Amino acid sequence: MERTHAPSPAEALLEAAAAVLDEEGRDAVTARRLGREIGASSMAVYTHFGSMEELLAAVWRRGFTELGRALSQVTPTKDPVADWMVQGWHYRDFALRNRHLYRVMFSDGLVAFNRGSRADQEVALATFQALLELIERCEELGRWSVDDVVLGGEVVWVTTHGHCELELTGYFEASGRDPRRLFERCTRTLALGFGDDPELVQRSLGAARRRTRPLRTGGSPTA
C-alpha cells in the first residue's frame, strides 16, 4: 500500500489559513486559531513564517504560483484558439479544485496587502502573461484581430473569472443551467468577438473538448 505523507507544519498552516480566510474572513485568522487548527501552539506561525503578515503573503503567493503551474500545462499546437480554450478550462478547473485558495487569492484585503510587494505582483502577473502569450499567437497566426493585447487579455480574464466566481456560489445549478455548457459558450463568444471565423471556432471547440474531456468529468487533463 502506498504511504501518504502528512503535510509539513508550514504547509498545514498555509492550508488552514486559506480555509479560515475563505470561511470566516481575515479577522478570524490569528496565530492561536491556526495553531489550534493544526494541533500546535500559536508559536508555530512565528517559527515557520516569522509573522502573520508573512503567512498571509505566503498564502496569496502560493495560490498564484499554483495557478501559473496549472496554466503552463497547455501544450502548444497548430490550433492556437484551441490552446487558448484549453487554458481557460485549466483556469476553471483550478478554481473549482481550490475553492478556498482561489477566493483568498482575489480577496480585496489580500490584493491590497500585496500591492506594495514587487515580487508578489510578478507572481500574479505571470499568470496573466501566460494568457497574453496565447492571445498573441491567435493574432499572429491570423485567427484573431487584436489591437490591444492587454485589453483583450483583461476582457478574457474578467469573463473567465466572473464565470468561476458565480459557479463557486452554486448560482448556475440553482438557476437550472449547466455551468460547463455556459463556460464553453463564453469562450465561443469571446473568440468570435476577436474576429475569428465561425467555422474555425467550431473546429477549435471540438479539439478543445477532446483535450479537456477529463476536466469536465473530474479526471486528469490532456493538455
Protein backbone atom coordinates (compact mmCIF):
# COMPACT_ATOMS: atom_id res chain seq x y z
CA MET A 1 0.00 0.00 0.00
CA GLU A 2 1.32 3.43 -0.95
CA ARG A 3 2.08 5.65 2.03
CA THR A 4 0.67 9.12 2.21
CA HIS A 5 2.85 11.74 3.82
CA ALA A 6 1.33 14.23 6.25
CA PRO A 7 1.88 17.87 5.26
CA SER A 8 4.71 19.74 6.95
CA PRO A 9 3.72 22.21 9.71
CA ALA A 10 4.30 25.14 7.32
CA GLU A 11 2.12 23.54 4.64
CA ALA A 12 -0.57 22.72 7.20
CA LEU A 13 -0.56 26.34 8.36
CA LEU A 14 -1.00 27.58 4.79
CA GLU A 15 -3.92 25.25 4.19
CA ALA A 16 -5.55 26.19 7.48
CA ALA A 17 -5.09 29.91 6.82
CA ALA A 18 -6.65 29.64 3.36
CA ALA A 19 -9.65 27.77 4.73
CA VAL A 20 -10.26 30.12 7.66
CA LEU A 21 -9.88 33.20 5.45
CA ASP A 22 -12.39 31.84 2.99
CA GLU A 23 -14.94 30.68 5.54
CA GLU A 24 -14.68 33.33 8.26
CA GLY A 25 -12.65 36.26 6.93
CA ARG A 26 -9.42 37.99 7.87
CA ASP A 27 -10.34 38.74 11.48
CA ALA A 28 -10.63 35.03 12.26
CA VAL A 29 -7.06 34.34 11.14
CA THR A 30 -4.97 34.51 14.29
CA ALA A 31 -1.85 32.67 15.36
CA ARG A 32 -3.77 30.98 18.17
CA ARG A 33 -6.54 29.85 15.82
CA LEU A 34 -4.15 28.47 13.21
CA GLY A 35 -2.09 26.71 15.82
CA ARG A 36 -5.22 25.05 17.15
CA GLU A 37 -6.24 24.03 13.62
CA ILE A 38 -3.02 22.07 13.11
CA GLY A 39 -2.66 20.81 16.67
CA ALA A 40 0.19 23.12 17.66
CA SER A 41 0.75 26.26 19.69
CA SER A 42 0.43 29.80 18.39
CA MET A 43 4.22 29.96 18.15
CA ALA A 44 4.07 27.69 15.08
CA VAL A 45 3.16 30.68 12.91
CA TYR A 46 6.18 32.69 14.07
CA THR A 47 8.50 29.70 13.93
CA HIS A 48 7.70 28.91 10.30
CA PHE A 49 6.80 32.34 8.87
CA GLY A 50 8.08 34.99 11.26
CA SER A 51 4.80 36.91 11.35
CA MET A 52 1.12 36.66 10.49
CA GLU A 53 1.65 39.15 7.66
CA GLU A 54 4.22 36.92 6.00
CA LEU A 55 1.98 33.88 6.38
CA LEU A 56 -0.85 35.74 4.64
CA ALA A 57 1.51 36.81 1.88
CA ALA A 58 2.63 33.19 1.51
CA VAL A 59 -0.99 32.05 1.10
CA TRP A 60 -1.57 34.63 -1.62
CA ARG A 61 1.73 33.85 -3.33
CA ARG A 62 1.15 30.11 -3.19
CA GLY A 63 -2.19 30.49 -4.93
CA PHE A 64 -0.79 32.35 -7.91
CA THR A 65 2.19 30.05 -8.16
CA GLU A 66 -0.09 27.04 -8.36
CA LEU A 67 -2.40 28.78 -10.81
CA GLY A 68 0.58 29.58 -13.01
CA ARG A 69 1.63 25.94 -12.89
CA ALA A 70 -1.85 24.86 -13.99
CA LEU A 71 -1.94 27.31 -16.90
CA SER A 72 1.54 26.32 -18.09
CA GLN A 73 0.42 22.72 -18.65
CA VAL A 74 -1.11 23.63 -22.03
CA THR A 75 0.97 22.19 -24.86
CA PRO A 76 1.09 24.48 -27.94
CA THR A 77 -0.42 23.03 -31.13
CA LYS A 78 -1.14 24.27 -34.63
CA ASP A 79 -4.51 25.50 -33.38
CA PRO A 80 -3.81 28.48 -31.10
CA VAL A 81 -7.50 29.09 -30.40
CA ALA A 82 -7.96 25.53 -29.16
CA ASP A 83 -4.86 26.04 -26.99
CA TRP A 84 -6.43 29.20 -25.57
CA MET A 85 -9.68 27.36 -24.87
CA VAL A 86 -7.80 24.56 -23.13
CA GLN A 87 -6.04 27.12 -20.95
CA GLY A 88 -9.42 28.51 -19.96
CA TRP A 89 -10.60 25.08 -18.88
CA HIS A 90 -7.44 24.69 -16.79
CA TYR A 91 -8.21 28.02 -15.13
CA ARG A 92 -11.76 26.91 -14.29
CA ASP A 93 -10.52 23.54 -13.06
CA PHE A 94 -8.04 25.26 -10.75
CA ALA A 95 -10.77 27.47 -9.30
CA LEU A 96 -13.11 24.55 -8.64
CA ARG A 97 -10.42 22.29 -7.19
CA ASN A 98 -9.00 25.04 -4.96
CA ARG A 99 -12.11 26.87 -3.79
CA HIS A 100 -10.61 28.24 -0.58
CA LEU A 101 -7.34 29.26 -2.16
CA TYR A 102 -8.99 30.80 -5.22
CA ARG A 103 -11.27 33.01 -3.16
CA VAL A 104 -8.40 34.10 -0.97
CA MET A 105 -6.25 34.98 -3.98
CA PHE A 106 -8.80 37.52 -5.20
CA SER A 107 -9.92 38.85 -1.82
CA ASP A 108 -9.77 42.64 -1.72
CA GLY A 109 -7.88 42.57 1.56
CA LEU A 110 -5.07 40.35 0.36
CA VAL A 111 -4.79 42.04 -3.02
CA ALA A 112 -4.38 45.39 -1.24
CA PHE A 113 -1.91 43.82 1.19
CA ASN A 114 0.33 42.66 -1.63
CA ARG A 115 0.21 45.75 -3.82
CA GLY A 116 3.40 47.00 -2.25
CA SER A 117 5.39 43.85 -2.98
CA ARG A 118 7.01 43.78 -6.40
CA ALA A 119 7.87 40.09 -6.05
CA ASP A 120 4.27 39.18 -5.31
CA GLN A 121 3.00 41.34 -8.15
CA GLU A 122 5.32 39.49 -10.52
CA VAL A 123 3.99 36.13 -9.34
CA ALA A 124 0.43 37.25 -10.04
CA LEU A 125 1.23 38.95 -13.36
CA ALA A 126 2.96 35.82 -14.62
CA THR A 127 -0.42 34.08 -14.78
CA PHE A 128 -1.82 36.96 -16.83
CA GLN A 129 1.21 36.89 -19.11
CA ALA A 130 0.51 33.24 -19.91
CA LEU A 131 -2.88 34.33 -21.25
CA LEU A 132 -1.43 37.24 -23.23
CA GLU A 133 1.05 34.93 -24.96
CA LEU A 134 -1.77 32.75 -26.26
CA ILE A 135 -3.76 35.76 -27.43
CA GLU A 136 -0.68 36.99 -29.30
CA ARG A 137 -0.35 33.59 -31.03
CA CYS A 138 -4.00 33.74 -32.08
CA GLU A 139 -3.35 37.17 -33.56
CA GLU A 140 -0.02 36.31 -35.18
CA LEU A 141 -1.41 33.17 -36.85
CA GLY A 142 -4.26 35.14 -38.38
CA ARG A 143 -7.15 33.79 -36.34
CA TRP A 144 -7.85 36.94 -34.37
CA SER A 145 -7.57 40.69 -34.84
CA VAL A 146 -6.47 42.22 -31.52
CA ASP A 147 -5.38 45.85 -31.47
CA ASP A 148 -4.66 45.90 -27.75
CA VAL A 149 -3.48 42.53 -26.43
CA VAL A 150 -3.54 43.63 -22.80
CA LEU A 151 -7.11 44.87 -23.09
CA GLY A 152 -8.02 41.64 -24.86
CA GLY A 153 -6.49 39.69 -22.01
CA GLU A 154 -8.45 41.72 -19.47
CA VAL A 155 -11.69 41.00 -21.32
CA VAL A 156 -10.93 37.27 -21.32
CA TRP A 157 -9.90 37.27 -17.68
CA VAL A 158 -12.93 39.25 -16.48
CA THR A 159 -15.23 36.85 -18.33
CA THR A 160 -13.48 33.70 -17.12
CA HIS A 161 -13.02 34.90 -13.55
CA GLY A 162 -16.58 36.17 -13.35
CA HIS A 163 -17.91 32.83 -14.52
CA CYS A 164 -15.83 30.95 -11.95
CA GLU A 165 -16.89 33.24 -9.12
CA LEU A 166 -20.56 32.67 -9.95
CA GLU A 167 -20.08 28.94 -10.37
CA LEU A 168 -18.45 28.70 -6.95
CA THR A 169 -21.57 30.21 -5.38
CA GLY A 170 -23.77 27.49 -6.91
CA TYR A 171 -25.68 30.12 -8.88
CA PHE A 172 -25.79 28.22 -12.16
CA GLU A 173 -27.03 24.98 -10.64
CA ALA A 174 -29.65 26.88 -8.63
CA SER A 175 -30.79 28.50 -11.87
CA GLY A 176 -31.02 25.16 -13.64
CA ARG A 177 -28.18 25.99 -16.01
CA ASP A 178 -25.21 23.83 -16.93
CA PRO A 179 -22.04 25.75 -15.94
CA ARG A 180 -19.83 23.71 -18.27
CA ARG A 181 -22.02 24.46 -21.28
CA LEU A 182 -22.15 28.12 -20.33
CA PHE A 183 -18.39 28.26 -19.94
CA GLU A 184 -17.91 26.86 -23.43
CA ARG A 185 -20.41 29.33 -24.86
CA CYS A 186 -18.48 32.16 -23.23
CA THR A 187 -15.25 31.05 -24.89
CA ARG A 188 -17.02 30.77 -28.25
CA THR A 189 -18.46 34.27 -27.90
CA LEU A 190 -15.07 35.71 -26.99
CA ALA A 191 -13.36 34.05 -29.96
CA LEU A 192 -15.98 35.39 -32.35
CA GLY A 193 -15.66 38.81 -30.76
CA PHE A 194 -11.96 38.78 -31.61
CA GLY A 195 -12.87 38.34 -35.28
CA ASP A 196 -12.48 34.58 -35.64
CA ASP A 197 -14.20 32.59 -38.37
CA PRO A 198 -17.30 30.78 -37.01
CA GLU A 199 -16.42 27.50 -38.75
CA LEU A 200 -12.86 27.57 -37.43
CA VAL A 201 -14.16 28.36 -33.95
CA GLN A 202 -16.31 25.24 -34.06
CA ARG A 203 -13.30 23.15 -35.05
CA SER A 204 -11.28 24.63 -32.21
CA LEU A 205 -14.10 23.92 -29.79
CA GLY A 206 -14.13 20.30 -30.92
CA ALA A 207 -10.38 19.99 -30.43
CA ALA A 208 -10.58 21.65 -27.02
CA ARG A 209 -13.40 19.34 -25.96
CA ARG A 210 -11.31 16.28 -26.75
CA ARG A 211 -8.31 17.65 -24.86
CA THR A 212 -10.28 18.75 -21.79
CA ARG A 213 -12.80 15.92 -21.51
CA PRO A 214 -11.27 14.72 -18.20
CA LEU A 215 -11.62 18.24 -16.76
CA ARG A 216 -15.34 18.01 -17.39
CA THR A 217 -15.64 14.64 -15.69
CA GLY A 218 -13.20 15.04 -12.80
CA GLY A 219 -10.18 13.24 -14.29
CA SER A 220 -6.74 14.42 -15.35
CA PRO A 221 -6.42 16.72 -18.38
CA THR A 222 -4.73 16.05 -21.67
CA ALA A 223 -3.05 19.38 -22.29
